[in-house]
Amino acid sequence: MMDLAFELRKADETGKVIKGAKKAIQLAKMGGAKLIIVAKNARPDIKEDIYYYAKLSGIPVYEFDGTSVELGTILGRPHTVSALAVVDPGESKILALGGKE
């Protein structure tokens, strides 16, 4: 079983993780992400957009089983993070969440 918090921090430190719903949606539209993670309590319209555009672009989406506050805390942010896009996983194994590695 993967330690999501550890792998997410590792991806953030050694790769490229773009935080924020607006940017995640943009990357889903452009196909610029390898994985998108969305918080369980993200607004329904945000989730809809992310799932829709990610499906069109062939990007896997993982629903984080926690709140946007918890997702922000994992990333060491002093605010909520409802969605994020992994552009480069770095040394992490985070892409396994989307069925790819």
PDB file of N, CA and C in Angstrom:
ATOM      1  N   MET A   1       0.844  -1.196   0.000  1.00  0.00           N
ATOM      2  CA  MET A   1       0.000   0.000   0.000  1.00  0.00           C
ATOM      3  C   MET A   1       0.883   1.251   0.000  1.00  0.00           C
ATOM      4  N   MET A   2       0.577   2.158  -0.885  1.00  0.00           N
ATOM      5  CA  MET A   2       1.357   3.384  -1.029  1.00  0.00           C
ATOM      6  C   MET A   2       1.013   4.389   0.073  1.00  0.00           C
ATOM      7  N   ASP A   3       2.027   5.058   0.588  1.00  0.00           N
ATOM      8  CA  ASP A   3       1.824   6.144   1.542  1.00  0.00           C
ATOM      9  C   ASP A   3       1.609   7.414   0.722  1.00  0.00           C
ATOM     10  N   LEU A   4       0.339   7.770   0.535  1.00  0.00           N
ATOM     11  CA  LEU A   4      -0.021   8.893  -0.326  1.00  0.00           C
ATOM     12  C   LEU A   4       0.653  10.190   0.108  1.00  0.00           C
ATOM     13  N   ALA A   5       0.624  10.479   1.392  1.00  0.00           N
ATOM     14  CA  ALA A   5       1.208  11.729   1.887  1.00  0.00           C
ATOM     15  C   ALA A   5       2.699  11.798   1.558  1.00  0.00           C
ATOM     16  N   PHE A   6       3.413  10.696   1.791  1.00  0.00           N
ATOM     17  CA  PHE A   6       4.849  10.657   1.521  1.00  0.00           C
ATOM     18  C   PHE A   6       5.129  10.856   0.035  1.00  0.00           C
ATOM     19  N   GLU A   7       4.424  10.103  -0.813  1.00  0.00           N
ATOM     20  CA  GLU A   7       4.658  10.174  -2.258  1.00  0.00           C
ATOM     21  C   GLU A   7       4.275  11.539  -2.831  1.00  0.00           C
ATOM     22  N   LEU A   8       3.230  12.138  -2.286  1.00  0.00           N
ATOM     23  CA  LEU A   8       2.807  13.460  -2.756  1.00  0.00           C
ATOM     24  C   LEU A   8       3.840  14.522  -2.393  1.00  0.00           C
ATOM     25  N   ARG A   9       4.349  14.454  -1.166  1.00  0.00           N
ATOM     26  CA  ARG A   9       5.409  15.399  -0.756  1.00  0.00           C
ATOM     27  C   ARG A   9       6.670  15.186  -1.593  1.00  0.00           C
ATOM     28  N   LYS A  10       6.997  13.922  -1.864  1.00  0.00           N
ATOM     29  CA  LYS A  10       8.180  13.606  -2.666  1.00  0.00           C
ATOM     30  C   LYS A  10       8.029  14.151  -4.087  1.00  0.00           C
ATOM     31  N   ALA A  11       6.834  14.004  -4.663  1.00  0.00           N
ATOM     32  CA  ALA A  11       6.574  14.537  -6.004  1.00  0.00           C
ATOM     33  C   ALA A  11       6.690  16.055  -5.999  1.00  0.00           C
ATOM     34  N   ASP A  12       6.199  16.686  -4.941  1.00  0.00           N
ATOM     35  CA  ASP A  12       6.246  18.146  -4.830  1.00  0.00           C
ATOM     36  C   ASP A  12       7.689  18.636  -4.699  1.00  0.00           C
ATOM     37  N   GLU A  13       8.521  17.876  -3.978  1.00  0.00           N
ATOM     38  CA  GLU A  13       9.912  18.289  -3.741  1.00  0.00           C
ATOM     39  C   GLU A  13      10.837  17.961  -4.916  1.00  0.00           C
ATOM     40  N   THR A  14      10.615  16.823  -5.580  1.00  0.00           N
ATOM     41  CA  THR A  14      11.562  16.385  -6.617  1.00  0.00           C
ATOM     42  C   THR A  14      11.025  16.507  -8.038  1.00  0.00           C
ATOM     43  N   GLY A  15       9.739  16.754  -8.173  1.00  0.00           N
ATOM     44  CA  GLY A  15       9.128  16.861  -9.500  1.00  0.00           C
ATOM     45  C   GLY A  15       8.438  18.203  -9.665  1.00  0.00           C
ATOM     46  N   LYS A  16       7.289  18.177 -10.337  1.00  0.00           N
ATOM     47  CA  LYS A  16       6.525  19.405 -10.550  1.00  0.00           C
ATOM     48  C   LYS A  16       5.051  19.119 -10.287  1.00  0.00           C
ATOM     49  N   VAL A  17       4.532  19.738  -9.226  1.00  0.00           N
ATOM     50  CA  VAL A  17       3.135  19.599  -8.846  1.00  0.00           C
ATOM     51  C   VAL A  17       2.510  20.988  -8.880  1.00  0.00           C
ATOM     52  N   ILE A  18       1.458  21.145  -9.672  1.00  0.00           N
ATOM     53  CA  ILE A  18       0.768  22.425  -9.799  1.00  0.00           C
ATOM     54  C   ILE A  18      -0.469  22.378  -8.909  1.00  0.00           C
ATOM     55  N   LYS A  19      -0.535  23.298  -7.957  1.00  0.00           N
ATOM     56  CA  LYS A  19      -1.628  23.304  -6.991  1.00  0.00           C
ATOM     57  C   LYS A  19      -2.708  24.301  -7.394  1.00  0.00           C
ATOM     58  N   GLY A  20      -3.959  23.921  -7.142  1.00  0.00           N
ATOM     59  CA  GLY A  20      -5.084  24.808  -7.407  1.00  0.00           C
ATOM     60  C   GLY A  20      -6.028  24.240  -8.454  1.00  0.00           C
ATOM     61  N   ALA A  21      -7.324  24.408  -8.207  1.00  0.00           N
ATOM     62  CA  ALA A  21      -8.335  23.850  -9.103  1.00  0.00           C
ATOM     63  C   ALA A  21      -8.295  24.484 -10.485  1.00  0.00           C
ATOM     64  N   LYS A  22      -8.163  25.808 -10.552  1.00  0.00           N
ATOM     65  CA  LYS A  22      -8.160  26.485 -11.855  1.00  0.00           C
ATOM     66  C   LYS A  22      -7.012  25.992 -12.729  1.00  0.00           C
ATOM     67  N   LYS A  23      -5.836  25.884 -12.140  1.00  0.00           N
ATOM     68  CA  LYS A  23      -4.672  25.429 -12.903  1.00  0.00           C
ATOM     69  C   LYS A  23      -4.798  23.956 -13.270  1.00  0.00           C
ATOM     70  N   ALA A  24      -5.373  23.152 -12.367  1.00  0.00           N
ATOM     71  CA  ALA A  24      -5.570  21.726 -12.659  1.00  0.00           C
ATOM     72  C   ALA A  24      -6.541  21.558 -13.828  1.00  0.00           C
ATOM     73  N   ILE A  25      -7.591  22.384 -13.856  1.00  0.00           N
ATOM     74  CA  ILE A  25      -8.558  22.323 -14.958  1.00  0.00           C
ATOM     75  C   ILE A  25      -7.887  22.736 -16.263  1.00  0.00           C
ATOM     76  N   GLN A  26      -7.068  23.789 -16.216  1.00  0.00           N
ATOM     77  CA  GLN A  26      -6.343  24.228 -17.416  1.00  0.00           C
ATOM     78  C   GLN A  26      -5.456  23.109 -17.951  1.00  0.00           C
ATOM     79  N   LEU A  27      -4.725  22.456 -17.054  1.00  0.00           N
ATOM     80  CA  LEU A  27      -3.845  21.366 -17.477  1.00  0.00           C
ATOM     81  C   LEU A  27      -4.641  20.166 -17.986  1.00  0.00           C
ATOM     82  N   ALA A  28      -5.827  19.942 -17.424  1.00  0.00           N
ATOM     83  CA  ALA A  28      -6.686  18.860 -17.912  1.00  0.00           C
ATOM     84  C   ALA A  28      -7.144  19.169 -19.336  1.00  0.00           C
ATOM     85  N   LYS A  29      -7.457  20.422 -19.603  1.00  0.00           N
ATOM     86  CA  LYS A  29      -7.889  20.834 -20.950  1.00  0.00           C
ATOM     87  C   LYS A  29      -6.756  20.692 -21.959  1.00  0.00           C
ATOM     88  N   MET A  30      -5.544  21.077 -21.549  1.00  0.00           N
ATOM     89  CA  MET A  30      -4.392  21.074 -22.460  1.00  0.00           C
ATOM     90  C   MET A  30      -3.691  19.727 -22.526  1.00  0.00           C
ATOM     91  N   GLY A  31      -4.001  18.833 -21.586  1.00  0.00           N
ATOM     92  CA  GLY A  31      -3.332  17.542 -21.555  1.00  0.00           C
ATOM     93  C   GLY A  31      -1.924  17.631 -21.004  1.00  0.00           C
ATOM     94  N   GLY A  32      -1.665  18.613 -20.157  1.00  0.00           N
ATOM     95  CA  GLY A  32      -0.314  18.828 -19.658  1.00  0.00           C
ATOM     96  C   GLY A  32       0.035  18.128 -18.364  1.00  0.00           C
ATOM     97  N   ALA A  33      -0.879  17.325 -17.822  1.00  0.00           N
ATOM     98  CA  ALA A  33      -0.614  16.649 -16.552  1.00  0.00           C
ATOM     99  C   ALA A  33      -0.569  15.141 -16.759  1.00  0.00           C
ATOM    100  N   LYS A  34       0.122  14.455 -15.855  1.00  0.00           N
ATOM    101  CA  LYS A  34       0.178  12.992 -15.905  1.00  0.00           C
ATOM    102  C   LYS A  34      -0.841  12.375 -14.954  1.00  0.00           C
ATOM    103  N   LEU A  35      -1.267  13.170 -13.955  1.00  0.00           N
ATOM    104  CA  LEU A  35      -2.245  12.723 -12.967  1.00  0.00           C
ATOM    105  C   LEU A  35      -2.855  13.958 -12.328  1.00  0.00           C
ATOM    106  N   ILE A  36      -4.153  13.900 -12.065  1.00  0.00           N
ATOM    107  CA  ILE A  36      -4.815  14.981 -11.335  1.00  0.00           C
ATOM    108  C   ILE A  36      -5.416  14.379 -10.078  1.00  0.00           C
ATOM    109  N   ILE A  37      -5.199  15.054  -8.963  1.00  0.00           N
ATOM    110  CA  ILE A  37      -5.749  14.620  -7.681  1.00  0.00           C
ATOM    111  C   ILE A  37      -6.747  15.678  -7.235  1.00  0.00           C
ATOM    112  N   VAL A  38      -7.935  15.230  -6.862  1.00  0.00           N
ATOM    113  CA  VAL A  38      -8.990  16.150  -6.432  1.00  0.00           C
ATOM    114  C   VAL A  38      -9.471  15.729  -5.045  1.00  0.00           C
ATOM    115  N   ALA A  39      -9.683  16.703  -4.164  1.00  0.00           N
ATOM    116  CA  ALA A  39     -10.146  16.420  -2.806  1.00  0.00           C
ATOM    117  C   ALA A  39     -11.595  15.953  -2.834  1.00  0.00           C
ATOM    118  N   LYS A  40     -11.932  15.091  -1.892  1.00  0.00           N
ATOM    119  CA  LYS A  40     -13.277  14.530  -1.819  1.00  0.00           C
ATOM    120  C   LYS A  40     -14.342  15.622  -1.669  1.00  0.00           C
ATOM    121  N   ASN A  41     -14.003  16.701  -0.950  1.00  0.00           N
ATOM    122  CA  ASN A  41     -14.982  17.754  -0.697  1.00  0.00           C
ATOM    123  C   ASN A  41     -14.869  18.939  -1.663  1.00  0.00           C
ATOM    124  N   ALA A  42     -14.188  18.751  -2.783  1.00  0.00           N
ATOM    125  CA  ALA A  42     -14.092  19.833  -3.775  1.00  0.00           C
ATOM    126  C   ALA A  42     -15.495  20.149  -4.291  1.00  0.00           C
ATOM    127  N   ARG A  43     -15.695  21.399  -4.684  1.00  0.00           N
ATOM    128  CA  ARG A  43     -17.003  21.813  -5.195  1.00  0.00           C
ATOM    129  C   ARG A  43     -17.410  20.926  -6.370  1.00  0.00           C
ATOM    130  N   PRO A  44     -18.697  20.588  -6.468  1.00  0.00           N
ATOM    131  CA  PRO A  44     -19.166  19.718  -7.556  1.00  0.00           C
ATOM    132  C   PRO A  44     -18.823  20.234  -8.952  1.00  0.00           C
ATOM    133  N   ASP A  45     -18.896  21.541  -9.176  1.00  0.00           N
ATOM    134  CA  ASP A  45     -18.583  22.074 -10.506  1.00  0.00           C
ATOM    135  C   ASP A  45     -17.110  21.886 -10.846  1.00  0.00           C
ATOM    136  N   ILE A  46     -16.243  21.991  -9.852  1.00  0.00           N
ATOM    137  CA  ILE A  46     -14.809  21.778 -10.065  1.00  0.00           C
ATOM    138  C   ILE A  46     -14.560  20.310 -10.418  1.00  0.00           C
ATOM    139  N   LYS A  47     -15.157  19.414  -9.645  1.00  0.00           N
ATOM    140  CA  LYS A  47     -14.994  17.981  -9.909  1.00  0.00           C
ATOM    141  C   LYS A  47     -15.494  17.627 -11.305  1.00  0.00           C
ATOM    142  N   GLU A  48     -16.665  18.155 -11.663  1.00  0.00           N
ATOM    143  CA  GLU A  48     -17.231  17.885 -12.988  1.00  0.00           C
ATOM    144  C   GLU A  48     -16.267  18.289 -14.092  1.00  0.00           C
ATOM    145  N   ASP A  49     -15.759  19.525 -13.997  1.00  0.00           N
ATOM    146  CA  ASP A  49     -14.832  20.029 -15.016  1.00  0.00           C
ATOM    147  C   ASP A  49     -13.572  19.176 -15.089  1.00  0.00           C
ATOM    148  N   ILE A  50     -13.010  18.858 -13.928  1.00  0.00           N
ATOM    149  CA  ILE A  50     -11.771  18.076 -13.901  1.00  0.00           C
ATOM    150  C   ILE A  50     -11.991  16.696 -14.522  1.00  0.00           C
ATOM    151  N   TYR A  51     -13.041  16.003 -14.096  1.00  0.00           N
ATOM    152  CA  TYR A  51     -13.304  14.666 -14.640  1.00  0.00           C
ATOM    153  C   TYR A  51     -13.585  14.722 -16.140  1.00  0.00           C
ATOM    154  N   TYR A  52     -14.345  15.720 -16.577  1.00  0.00           N
ATOM    155  CA  TYR A  52     -14.705  15.840 -17.990  1.00  0.00           C
ATOM    156  C   TYR A  52     -13.475  16.080 -18.862  1.00  0.00           C
ATOM    157  N   TYR A  53     -12.711  17.124 -18.528  1.00  0.00           N
ATOM    158  CA  TYR A  53     -11.559  17.473 -19.365  1.00  0.00           C
ATOM    159  C   TYR A  53     -10.433  16.442 -19.259  1.00  0.00           C
ATOM    160  N   ALA A  54     -10.263  15.859 -18.084  1.00  0.00           N
ATOM    161  CA  ALA A  54      -9.228  14.831 -17.923  1.00  0.00           C
ATOM    162  C   ALA A  54      -9.563  13.602 -18.772  1.00  0.00           C
ATOM    163  N   LYS A  55     -10.845  13.256 -18.826  1.00  0.00           N
ATOM    164  CA  LYS A  55     -11.259  12.105 -19.640  1.00  0.00           C
ATOM    165  C   LYS A  55     -10.969  12.378 -21.114  1.00  0.00           C
ATOM    166  N   LEU A  56     -11.282  13.599 -21.569  1.00  0.00           N
ATOM    167  CA  LEU A  56     -11.016  13.959 -22.966  1.00  0.00           C
ATOM    168  C   LEU A  56      -9.525  13.899 -23.287  1.00  0.00           C
ATOM    169  N   SER A  57      -8.699  14.284 -22.307  1.00  0.00           N
ATOM    170  CA  SER A  57      -7.248  14.321 -22.515  1.00  0.00           C
ATOM    171  C   SER A  57      -6.560  13.008 -22.169  1.00  0.00           C
ATOM    172  N   GLY A  58      -7.307  12.052 -21.612  1.00  0.00           N
ATOM    173  CA  GLY A  58      -6.715  10.768 -21.238  1.00  0.00           C
ATOM    174  C   GLY A  58      -5.845  10.843 -19.995  1.00  0.00           C
ATOM    175  N   ILE A  59      -6.167  11.773 -19.097  1.00  0.00           N
ATOM    176  CA  ILE A  59      -5.399  11.936 -17.857  1.00  0.00           C
ATOM    177  C   ILE A  59      -6.155  11.249 -16.724  1.00  0.00           C
ATOM    178  N   PRO A  60      -5.496  10.366 -15.973  1.00  0.00           N
ATOM    179  CA  PRO A  60      -6.174   9.726 -14.845  1.00  0.00           C
ATOM    180  C   PRO A  60      -6.445  10.728 -13.723  1.00  0.00           C
ATOM    181  N   VAL A  61      -7.581  10.526 -13.039  1.00  0.00           N
ATOM    182  CA  VAL A  61      -7.960  11.376 -11.909  1.00  0.00           C
ATOM    183  C   VAL A  61      -8.085  10.486 -10.686  1.00  0.00           C
ATOM    184  N   TYR A  62      -7.492  10.930  -9.586  1.00  0.00           N
ATOM    185  CA  TYR A  62      -7.581  10.208  -8.320  1.00  0.00           C
ATOM    186  C   TYR A  62      -8.329  11.091  -7.338  1.00  0.00           C
ATOM    187  N   GLU A  63      -9.388  10.548  -6.725  1.00  0.00           N
ATOM    188  CA  GLU A  63     -10.114  11.313  -5.718  1.00  0.00           C
ATOM    189  C   GLU A  63      -9.500  11.034  -4.351  1.00  0.00           C
ATOM    190  N   PHE A  64      -8.912  12.072  -3.772  1.00  0.00           N
ATOM    191  CA  PHE A  64      -8.274  11.994  -2.460  1.00  0.00           C
ATOM    192  C   PHE A  64      -9.350  11.792  -1.405  1.00  0.00           C
ATOM    193  N   ASP A  65      -9.195  10.762  -0.591  1.00  0.00           N
ATOM    194  CA  ASP A  65     -10.190  10.439   0.434  1.00  0.00           C
ATOM    195  C   ASP A  65      -9.970  11.301   1.671  1.00  0.00           C
ATOM    196  N   GLY A  66     -10.098  12.591   1.477  1.00  0.00           N
ATOM    197  CA  GLY A  66      -9.912  13.550   2.558  1.00  0.00           C
ATOM    198  C   GLY A  66     -10.353  14.916   2.067  1.00  0.00           C
ATOM    199  N   THR A  67     -10.261  15.887   2.952  1.00  0.00           N
ATOM    200  CA  THR A  67     -10.719  17.230   2.607  1.00  0.00           C
ATOM    201  C   THR A  67      -9.622  18.046   1.937  1.00  0.00           C
ATOM    202  N   SER A  68     -10.022  19.188   1.411  1.00  0.00           N
ATOM    203  CA  SER A  68      -9.064  20.101   0.793  1.00  0.00           C
ATOM    204  C   SER A  68      -8.111  20.679   1.844  1.00  0.00           C
ATOM    205  N   VAL A  69      -8.569  20.773   3.084  1.00  0.00           N
ATOM    206  CA  VAL A  69      -7.695  21.236   4.174  1.00  0.00           C
ATOM    207  C   VAL A  69      -6.589  20.208   4.399  1.00  0.00           C
ATOM    208  N   GLU A  70      -6.964  18.924   4.434  1.00  0.00           N
ATOM    209  CA  GLU A  70      -5.979  17.855   4.631  1.00  0.00           C
ATOM    210  C   GLU A  70      -4.992  17.788   3.470  1.00  0.00           C
ATOM    211  N   LEU A  71      -5.487  17.978   2.251  1.00  0.00           N
ATOM    212  CA  LEU A  71      -4.615  17.955   1.076  1.00  0.00           C
ATOM    213  C   LEU A  71      -3.616  19.109   1.146  1.00  0.00           C
ATOM    214  N   GLY A  72      -4.085  20.278   1.545  1.00  0.00           N
ATOM    215  CA  GLY A  72      -3.196  21.427   1.719  1.00  0.00           C
ATOM    216  C   GLY A  72      -2.153  21.174   2.793  1.00  0.00           C
ATOM    217  N   THR A  73      -2.572  20.558   3.888  1.00  0.00           N
ATOM    218  CA  THR A  73      -1.665  20.267   5.001  1.00  0.00           C
ATOM    219  C   THR A  73      -0.568  19.293   4.577  1.00  0.00           C
ATOM    220  N   ILE A  74      -0.925  18.260   3.815  1.00  0.00           N
ATOM    221  CA  ILE A  74       0.065  17.293   3.324  1.00  0.00           C
ATOM    222  C   ILE A  74       1.155  18.001   2.535  1.00  0.00           C
ATOM    223  N   LEU A  75       0.748  18.998   1.741  1.00  0.00           N
ATOM    224  CA  LEU A  75       1.696  19.730   0.900  1.00  0.00           C
ATOM    225  C   LEU A  75       2.375  20.877   1.637  1.00  0.00           C
ATOM    226  N   GLY A  76       2.083  21.016   2.936  1.00  0.00           N
ATOM    227  CA  GLY A  76       2.717  22.068   3.721  1.00  0.00           C
ATOM    228  C   GLY A  76       2.198  23.456   3.384  1.00  0.00           C
ATOM    229  N   ARG A  77       0.970  23.531   2.881  1.00  0.00           N
ATOM    230  CA  ARG A  77       0.382  24.814   2.508  1.00  0.00           C
ATOM    231  C   ARG A  77      -0.498  25.321   3.649  1.00  0.00           C
ATOM    232  N   PRO A  78      -0.520  26.632   3.884  1.00  0.00           N
ATOM    233  CA  PRO A  78      -1.349  27.186   4.960  1.00  0.00           C
ATOM    234  C   PRO A  78      -2.796  27.429   4.520  1.00  0.00           C
ATOM    235  N   HIS A  79      -3.197  26.840   3.405  1.00  0.00           N
ATOM    236  CA  HIS A  79      -4.547  27.040   2.880  1.00  0.00           C
ATOM    237  C   HIS A  79      -5.054  25.740   2.266  1.00  0.00           C
ATOM    238  N   THR A  80      -6.304  25.758   1.844  1.00  0.00           N
ATOM    239  CA  THR A  80      -6.887  24.555   1.245  1.00  0.00           C
ATOM    240  C   THR A  80      -6.365  24.343  -0.175  1.00  0.00           C
ATOM    241  N   VAL A  81      -6.308  23.085  -0.581  1.00  0.00           N
ATOM    242  CA  VAL A  81      -5.950  22.720  -1.954  1.00  0.00           C
ATOM    243  C   VAL A  81      -7.017  21.720  -2.398  1.00  0.00           C
ATOM    244  N   SER A  82      -7.941  22.173  -3.245  1.00  0.00           N
ATOM    245  CA  SER A  82      -9.030  21.288  -3.657  1.00  0.00           C
ATOM    246  C   SER A  82      -8.631  20.372  -4.808  1.00  0.00           C
ATOM    247  N   ALA A  83      -7.614  20.792  -5.572  1.00  0.00           N
ATOM    248  CA  ALA A  83      -7.139  19.948  -6.673  1.00  0.00           C
ATOM    249  C   ALA A  83      -5.695  20.291  -6.994  1.00  0.00           C
ATOM    250  N   LEU A  84      -5.006  19.329  -7.586  1.00  0.00           N
ATOM    251  CA  LEU A  84      -3.627  19.557  -8.013  1.00  0.00           C
ATOM    252  C   LEU A  84      -3.338  18.673  -9.211  1.00  0.00           C
ATOM    253  N   ALA A  85      -2.346  19.086  -9.965  1.00  0.00           N
ATOM    254  CA  ALA A  85      -1.949  18.328 -11.152  1.00  0.00           C
ATOM    255  C   ALA A  85      -0.482  17.945 -11.029  1.00  0.00           C
ATOM    256  N   VAL A  86      -0.189  16.679 -11.247  1.00  0.00           N
ATOM    257  CA  VAL A  86       1.189  16.199 -11.245  1.00  0.00           C
ATOM    258  C   VAL A  86       1.686  16.264 -12.689  1.00  0.00           C
ATOM    259  N   VAL A  87       2.607  17.188 -12.940  1.00  0.00           N
ATOM    260  CA  VAL A  87       3.176  17.356 -14.276  1.00  0.00           C
ATOM    261  C   VAL A  87       4.405  16.467 -14.425  1.00  0.00           C
ATOM    262  N   ASP A  88       5.205  16.410 -13.356  1.00  0.00           N
ATOM    263  CA  ASP A  88       6.407  15.573 -13.325  1.00  0.00           C
ATOM    264  C   ASP A  88       6.459  14.913 -11.950  1.00  0.00           C
ATOM    265  N   PRO A  89       6.400  13.577 -11.875  1.00  0.00           N
ATOM    266  CA  PRO A  89       6.391  12.906 -10.584  1.00  0.00           C
ATOM    267  C   PRO A  89       7.733  12.920  -9.855  1.00  0.00           C
ATOM    268  N   GLY A  90       8.791  13.333 -10.528  1.00  0.00           N
ATOM    269  CA  GLY A  90      10.107  13.330  -9.893  1.00  0.00           C
ATOM    270  C   GLY A  90      10.488  11.923  -9.474  1.00  0.00           C
ATOM    271  N   GLU A  91      10.962  11.783  -8.242  1.00  0.00           N
ATOM    272  CA  GLU A  91      11.389  10.475  -7.730  1.00  0.00           C
ATOM    273  C   GLU A  91      10.263   9.710  -7.042  1.00  0.00           C
ATOM    274  N   SER A  92       9.051  10.246  -7.075  1.00  0.00           N
ATOM    275  CA  SER A  92       7.930   9.601  -6.382  1.00  0.00           C
ATOM    276  C   SER A  92       7.289   8.513  -7.244  1.00  0.00           C
ATOM    277  N   LYS A  93       6.444   7.730  -6.590  1.00  0.00           N
ATOM    278  CA  LYS A  93       5.679   6.684  -7.277  1.00  0.00           C
ATOM    279  C   LYS A  93       4.204   7.084  -7.337  1.00  0.00           C
ATOM    280  N   ILE A  94       3.934   8.377  -7.328  1.00  0.00           N
ATOM    281  CA  ILE A  94       2.574   8.907  -7.259  1.00  0.00           C
ATOM    282  C   ILE A  94       1.714   8.499  -8.453  1.00  0.00           C
ATOM    283  N   LEU A  95       2.325   8.271  -9.617  1.00  0.00           N
ATOM    284  CA  LEU A  95       1.546   7.922 -10.806  1.00  0.00           C
ATOM    285  C   LEU A  95       0.869   6.561 -10.683  1.00  0.00           C
ATOM    286  N   ALA A  96       1.297   5.753  -9.722  1.00  0.00           N
ATOM    287  CA  ALA A  96       0.656   4.457  -9.494  1.00  0.00           C
ATOM    288  C   ALA A  96      -0.811   4.640  -9.099  1.00  0.00           C
ATOM    289  N   LEU A  97      -1.165   5.804  -8.566  1.00  0.00           N
ATOM    290  CA  LEU A  97      -2.556   6.082  -8.205  1.00  0.00           C
ATOM    291  C   LEU A  97      -3.455   6.090  -9.434  1.00  0.00           C
ATOM    292  N   GLY A  98      -2.891   6.490 -10.553  1.00  0.00           N
ATOM    293  CA  GLY A  98      -3.662   6.546 -11.791  1.00  0.00           C
ATOM    294  C   GLY A  98      -3.545   5.280 -12.614  1.00  0.00           C
ATOM    295  N   GLY A  99      -2.910   4.265 -12.053  1.00  0.00           N
ATOM    296  CA  GLY A  99      -2.753   3.010 -12.774  1.00  0.00           C
ATOM    297  C   GLY A  99      -1.527   2.984 -13.669  1.00  0.00           C
ATOM    298  N   LYS A 100      -0.703   4.037 -13.594  1.00  0.00           N
ATOM    299  CA  LYS A 100       0.527   4.099 -14.401  1.00  0.00           C
ATOM    300  C   LYS A 100       1.707   4.228 -13.462  1.00  0.00           C
ATOM    301  N   GLU A 101       2.868   3.865 -13.955  1.00  0.00           N
ATOM    302  CA  GLU A 101       4.058   4.041 -13.108  1.00  0.00           C
ATOM    303  C   GLU A 101       5.239   4.412 -13.926  1.00  0.00           C
TER     304      GLU A 101
END
